[in-house]
PDB file of N, CA and C in Angstrom:
ATOM      1  N   MET A   1      61.531 -20.468  15.048  1.00  0.00           N
ATOM      2  CA  MET A   1      62.883 -20.765  14.972  1.00  0.00           C
ATOM      3  C   MET A   1      62.472 -22.078  14.311  1.00  0.00           C
ATOM      4  N   ILE A   2      63.338 -22.592  13.227  1.00  0.00           N
ATOM      5  CA  ILE A   2      63.436 -23.876  12.731  1.00  0.00           C
ATOM      6  C   ILE A   2      64.600 -24.826  12.944  1.00  0.00           C
ATOM      7  N   ALA A   3      64.719 -25.852  13.298  1.00  0.00           N
ATOM      8  CA  ALA A   3      66.045 -26.414  13.609  1.00  0.00           C
ATOM      9  C   ALA A   3      66.454 -27.594  12.392  1.00  0.00           C
ATOM     10  N   LEU A   4      67.462 -27.757  12.158  1.00  0.00           N
ATOM     11  CA  LEU A   4      67.984 -28.788  11.218  1.00  0.00           C
ATOM     12  C   LEU A   4      69.322 -29.548  11.892  1.00  0.00           C
ATOM     13  N   GLN A   5      68.897 -30.925  12.278  1.00  0.00           N
ATOM     14  CA  GLN A   5      70.132 -31.543  12.792  1.00  0.00           C
ATOM     15  C   GLN A   5      70.329 -32.993  12.222  1.00  0.00           C
ATOM     16  N   GLY A   6      71.336 -33.477  12.452  1.00  0.00           N
ATOM     17  CA  GLY A   6      71.864 -34.977  11.640  1.00  0.00           C
ATOM     18  C   GLY A   6      72.849 -34.788  10.735  1.00  0.00           C
ATOM     19  N   ASN A   7      73.779 -35.734  10.588  1.00  0.00           N
ATOM     20  CA  ASN A   7      74.933 -35.891   9.930  1.00  0.00           C
ATOM     21  C   ASN A   7      75.900 -34.819  10.155  1.00  0.00           C
ATOM     22  N   GLY A   8      76.062 -34.500  11.604  1.00  0.00           N
ATOM     23  CA  GLY A   8      76.848 -33.484  11.710  1.00  0.00           C
ATOM     24  C   GLY A   8      76.375 -32.125  11.816  1.00  0.00           C
ATOM     25  N   LEU A   9      75.086 -31.924  11.313  1.00  0.00           N
ATOM     26  CA  LEU A   9      74.624 -30.470  11.331  1.00  0.00           C
ATOM     27  C   LEU A   9      73.776 -30.246  12.389  1.00  0.00           C
ATOM     28  N   ASN A  10      74.034 -28.932  12.824  1.00  0.00           N
ATOM     29  CA  ASN A  10      73.318 -28.595  14.238  1.00  0.00           C
ATOM     30  C   ASN A  10      72.918 -27.024  13.971  1.00  0.00           C
ATOM     31  N   ARG A  11      71.840 -26.640  13.190  1.00  0.00           N
ATOM     32  CA  ARG A  11      71.812 -25.302  12.680  1.00  0.00           C
ATOM     33  C   ARG A  11      70.253 -24.740  12.997  1.00  0.00           C
ATOM     34  N   ARG A  12      70.146 -23.482  13.471  1.00  0.00           N
ATOM     35  CA  ARG A  12      68.823 -23.009  13.833  1.00  0.00           C
ATOM     36  C   ARG A  12      68.615 -21.927  12.462  1.00  0.00           C
ATOM     37  N   PHE A  13      67.521 -21.736  12.201  1.00  0.00           N
ATOM     38  CA  PHE A  13      67.087 -20.677  11.256  1.00  0.00           C
ATOM     39  C   PHE A  13      65.910 -19.789  11.952  1.00  0.00           C
ATOM     40  N   ALA A  14      65.652 -18.455  11.621  1.00  0.00           N
ATOM     41  CA  ALA A  14      64.703 -17.595  11.876  1.00  0.00           C
ATOM     42  C   ALA A  14      64.147 -17.013  10.752  1.00  0.00           C
ATOM     43  N   TYR A  15      63.147 -16.815  10.688  1.00  0.00           N
ATOM     44  CA  TYR A  15      62.369 -16.212   9.444  1.00  0.00           C
ATOM     45  C   TYR A  15      61.391 -15.033   9.680  1.00  0.00           C
ATOM     46  N   THR A  16      61.049 -14.255   9.042  1.00  0.00           N
ATOM     47  CA  THR A  16      60.141 -13.055   9.171  1.00  0.00           C
ATOM     48  C   THR A  16      58.708 -13.946   8.966  1.00  0.00           C
ATOM     49  N   ALA A  17      57.858 -12.912   9.229  1.00  0.00           N
ATOM     50  CA  ALA A  17      56.318 -13.548   8.879  1.00  0.00           C
ATOM     51  C   ALA A  17      56.211 -13.601   7.462  1.00  0.00           C
ATOM     52  N   ALA A  18      56.913 -13.086   6.519  1.00  0.00           N
ATOM     53  CA  ALA A  18      56.762 -13.251   5.251  1.00  0.00           C
ATOM     54  C   ALA A  18      57.581 -14.550   4.566  1.00  0.00           C
ATOM     55  N   GLY A  19      58.290 -15.043   5.575  1.00  0.00           N
ATOM     56  CA  GLY A  19      58.937 -16.349   5.104  1.00  0.00           C
ATOM     57  C   GLY A  19      60.356 -15.995   4.885  1.00  0.00           C
ATOM     58  N   GLU A  20      61.030 -15.061   4.921  1.00  0.00           N
ATOM     59  CA  GLU A  20      62.235 -14.553   4.646  1.00  0.00           C
ATOM     60  C   GLU A  20      63.225 -14.946   5.757  1.00  0.00           C
ATOM     61  N   ARG A  21      64.423 -15.753   5.380  1.00  0.00           N
ATOM     62  CA  ARG A  21      65.358 -16.141   6.479  1.00  0.00           C
ATOM     63  C   ARG A  21      66.124 -14.861   6.805  1.00  0.00           C
ATOM     64  N   ILE A  22      66.185 -14.633   8.157  1.00  0.00           N
ATOM     65  CA  ILE A  22      67.042 -13.521   8.692  1.00  0.00           C
ATOM     66  C   ILE A  22      68.062 -13.914   9.406  1.00  0.00           C
ATOM     67  N   LEU A  23      68.120 -15.057  10.179  1.00  0.00           N
ATOM     68  CA  LEU A  23      69.252 -15.518  10.933  1.00  0.00           C
ATOM     69  C   LEU A  23      69.630 -16.905  10.899  1.00  0.00           C
ATOM     70  N   GLU A  24      70.625 -17.421  10.682  1.00  0.00           N
ATOM     71  CA  GLU A  24      71.145 -18.541  10.536  1.00  0.00           C
ATOM     72  C   GLU A  24      72.139 -18.780  11.623  1.00  0.00           C
ATOM     73  N   TRP A  25      71.842 -19.906  12.642  1.00  0.00           N
ATOM     74  CA  TRP A  25      72.743 -20.221  13.597  1.00  0.00           C
ATOM     75  C   TRP A  25      73.537 -21.427  13.549  1.00  0.00           C
ATOM     76  N   ASP A  26      74.588 -21.641  13.192  1.00  0.00           N
ATOM     77  CA  ASP A  26      75.531 -22.816  13.063  1.00  0.00           C
ATOM     78  C   ASP A  26      76.291 -23.073  14.358  1.00  0.00           C
ATOM     79  N   GLN A  27      75.495 -24.111  15.030  1.00  0.00           N
ATOM     80  CA  GLN A  27      75.985 -24.239  16.564  1.00  0.00           C
ATOM     81  C   GLN A  27      77.257 -25.143  16.491  1.00  0.00           C
ATOM     82  N   ASN A  28      77.585 -25.831  15.324  1.00  0.00           N
ATOM     83  CA  ASN A  28      78.734 -26.630  15.485  1.00  0.00           C
ATOM     84  C   ASN A  28      80.111 -25.745  14.979  1.00  0.00           C
ATOM     85  N   ALA A  29      79.756 -24.796  14.267  1.00  0.00           N
ATOM     86  CA  ALA A  29      80.809 -23.943  13.952  1.00  0.00           C
ATOM     87  C   ALA A  29      80.962 -22.568  14.603  1.00  0.00           C
ATOM     88  N   SER A  30      79.951 -22.605  15.744  1.00  0.00           N
ATOM     89  CA  SER A  30      79.791 -21.214  16.573  1.00  0.00           C
ATOM     90  C   SER A  30      79.762 -20.001  16.034  1.00  0.00           C
ATOM     91  N   LYS A  31      78.810 -20.070  14.957  1.00  0.00           N
ATOM     92  CA  LYS A  31      78.649 -18.936  14.187  1.00  0.00           C
ATOM     93  C   LYS A  31      77.048 -18.430  13.875  1.00  0.00           C
ATOM     94  N   TYR A  32      76.973 -17.320  14.060  1.00  0.00           N
ATOM     95  CA  TYR A  32      75.637 -16.454  13.540  1.00  0.00           C
ATOM     96  C   TYR A  32      75.809 -15.743  12.463  1.00  0.00           C
ATOM     97  N   THR A  33      75.132 -15.695  11.525  1.00  0.00           N
ATOM     98  CA  THR A  33      74.720 -14.998  10.181  1.00  0.00           C
ATOM     99  C   THR A  33      73.280 -14.339  10.110  1.00  0.00           C
ATOM    100  N   LEU A  34      73.344 -13.105  10.153  1.00  0.00           N
ATOM    101  CA  LEU A  34      72.234 -12.232  10.313  1.00  0.00           C
ATOM    102  C   LEU A  34      72.066 -11.473   8.935  1.00  0.00           C
ATOM    103  N   SER A  35      71.066 -11.554   8.232  1.00  0.00           N
ATOM    104  CA  SER A  35      70.611 -10.798   6.976  1.00  0.00           C
ATOM    105  C   SER A  35      69.671  -9.582   7.111  1.00  0.00           C
ATOM    106  N   LEU A  36      70.204  -8.399   6.612  1.00  0.00           N
ATOM    107  CA  LEU A  36      69.461  -7.384   6.693  1.00  0.00           C
ATOM    108  C   LEU A  36      68.757  -7.177   5.391  1.00  0.00           C
ATOM    109  N   ARG A  37      67.520  -7.026   5.266  1.00  0.00           N
ATOM    110  CA  ARG A  37      66.601  -6.923   3.874  1.00  0.00           C
ATOM    111  C   ARG A  37      66.106  -5.671   3.567  1.00  0.00           C
ATOM    112  N   GLY A  38      65.924  -5.481   2.477  1.00  0.00           N
ATOM    113  CA  GLY A  38      65.418  -4.133   1.747  1.00  0.00           C
ATOM    114  C   GLY A  38      63.856  -4.276   1.811  1.00  0.00           C
ATOM    115  N   LEU A  39      63.057  -3.401   1.439  1.00  0.00           N
ATOM    116  CA  LEU A  39      61.579  -3.521   1.344  1.00  0.00           C
ATOM    117  C   LEU A  39      61.436  -4.336  -0.077  1.00  0.00           C
ATOM    118  N   GLY A  40      62.260  -4.537  -0.950  1.00  0.00           N
ATOM    119  CA  GLY A  40      61.867  -5.474  -2.131  1.00  0.00           C
ATOM    120  C   GLY A  40      62.731  -6.930  -1.764  1.00  0.00           C
ATOM    121  N   ASN A  41      62.886  -7.154  -0.407  1.00  0.00           N
ATOM    122  CA  ASN A  41      63.450  -8.355  -0.166  1.00  0.00           C
ATOM    123  C   ASN A  41      64.799  -8.520  -0.333  1.00  0.00           C
ATOM    124  N   GLU A  42      65.564  -7.868  -1.071  1.00  0.00           N
ATOM    125  CA  GLU A  42      66.973  -7.917  -1.402  1.00  0.00           C
ATOM    126  C   GLU A  42      67.843  -7.671   0.047  1.00  0.00           C
ATOM    127  N   VAL A  43      68.913  -8.770  -0.135  1.00  0.00           N
ATOM    128  CA  VAL A  43      69.956  -8.509   1.066  1.00  0.00           C
ATOM    129  C   VAL A  43      70.558  -7.086   0.824  1.00  0.00           C
ATOM    130  N   LEU A  44      70.569  -6.300   1.747  1.00  0.00           N
ATOM    131  CA  LEU A  44      71.351  -5.061   1.769  1.00  0.00           C
ATOM    132  C   LEU A  44      72.424  -5.344   2.635  1.00  0.00           C
ATOM    133  N   ARG A  45      72.528  -6.176   3.696  1.00  0.00           N
ATOM    134  CA  ARG A  45      73.843  -6.270   4.423  1.00  0.00           C
ATOM    135  C   ARG A  45      73.787  -7.649   5.106  1.00  0.00           C
ATOM    136  N   GLU A  46      74.753  -8.208   5.212  1.00  0.00           N
ATOM    137  CA  GLU A  46      74.855  -9.699   5.907  1.00  0.00           C
ATOM    138  C   GLU A  46      76.089  -9.766   6.786  1.00  0.00           C
ATOM    139  N   VAL A  47      76.020  -9.980   7.973  1.00  0.00           N
ATOM    140  CA  VAL A  47      76.901  -9.775   8.990  1.00  0.00           C
ATOM    141  C   VAL A  47      77.035 -11.224   9.837  1.00  0.00           C
ATOM    142  N   SER A  48      78.033 -11.576   9.911  1.00  0.00           N
ATOM    143  CA  SER A  48      78.520 -12.881  10.452  1.00  0.00           C
ATOM    144  C   SER A  48      79.347 -12.576  12.011  1.00  0.00           C
ATOM    145  N   TYR A  49      78.977 -13.413  12.759  1.00  0.00           N
ATOM    146  CA  TYR A  49      79.581 -13.151  14.144  1.00  0.00           C
ATOM    147  C   TYR A  49      79.971 -14.718  14.760  1.00  0.00           C
ATOM    148  N   SER A  50      81.252 -14.857  14.904  1.00  0.00           N
ATOM    149  CA  SER A  50      81.829 -16.080  15.350  1.00  0.00           C
ATOM    150  C   SER A  50      82.008 -16.133  17.114  1.00  0.00           C
ATOM    151  N   TYR A  51      82.026 -16.888  17.731  1.00  0.00           N
ATOM    152  CA  TYR A  51      82.184 -16.880  19.164  1.00  0.00           C
ATOM    153  C   TYR A  51      82.911 -18.212  19.607  1.00  0.00           C
ATOM    154  N   SER A  52      83.279 -18.063  20.840  1.00  0.00           N
ATOM    155  CA  SER A  52      83.743 -19.640  21.360  1.00  0.00           C
ATOM    156  C   SER A  52      83.590 -19.373  22.822  1.00  0.00           C
ATOM    157  N   TYR A  53      83.496 -20.516  23.375  1.00  0.00           N
ATOM    158  CA  TYR A  53      83.107 -20.611  24.933  1.00  0.00           C
ATOM    159  C   TYR A  53      83.891 -21.617  25.484  1.00  0.00           C
ATOM    160  N   SER A  54      84.145 -21.457  26.796  1.00  0.00           N
ATOM    161  CA  SER A  54      84.765 -22.827  27.353  1.00  0.00           C
ATOM    162  C   SER A  54      84.272 -23.243  28.777  1.00  0.00           C
ATOM    163  N   ALA A  55      84.097 -24.432  28.840  1.00  0.00           N
ATOM    164  CA  ALA A  55      83.407 -24.698  30.405  1.00  0.00           C
ATOM    165  C   ALA A  55      84.678 -24.898  31.321  1.00  0.00           C
ATOM    166  N   SER A  56      84.212 -24.498  32.339  1.00  0.00           N
ATOM    167  CA  SER A  56      85.162 -24.504  33.560  1.00  0.00           C
ATOM    168  C   SER A  56      84.467 -25.340  34.788  1.00  0.00           C
ATOM    169  N   THR A  57      85.205 -26.023  35.501  1.00  0.00           N
ATOM    170  CA  THR A  57      84.818 -26.582  36.342  1.00  0.00           C
ATOM    171  C   THR A  57      85.262 -26.052  37.721  1.00  0.00           C
ATOM    172  N   GLY A  58      84.581 -26.018  38.729  1.00  0.00           N
ATOM    173  CA  GLY A  58      84.851 -25.293  40.048  1.00  0.00           C
ATOM    174  C   GLY A  58      85.060 -26.418  40.992  1.00  0.00           C
ATOM    175  N   SER A  59      85.851 -26.082  42.023  1.00  0.00           N
ATOM    176  CA  SER A  59      86.278 -27.209  42.942  1.00  0.00           C
ATOM    177  C   SER A  59      85.803 -26.795  44.233  1.00  0.00           C
TER     178      SER A  59
END
């Protein structure tokens, strides 16, 4: 996994052994984007997932 941080960016990328990017995680936007590729490295499907979380404090 490779990270890119700075100037308001906070992203993580995951690659296959062949160097094709298959996952982008934008931590500032709370969003994952996953790419499914075919045998010819063409993008067959791209799926994005947004999430949110909240921090709670206990007493």
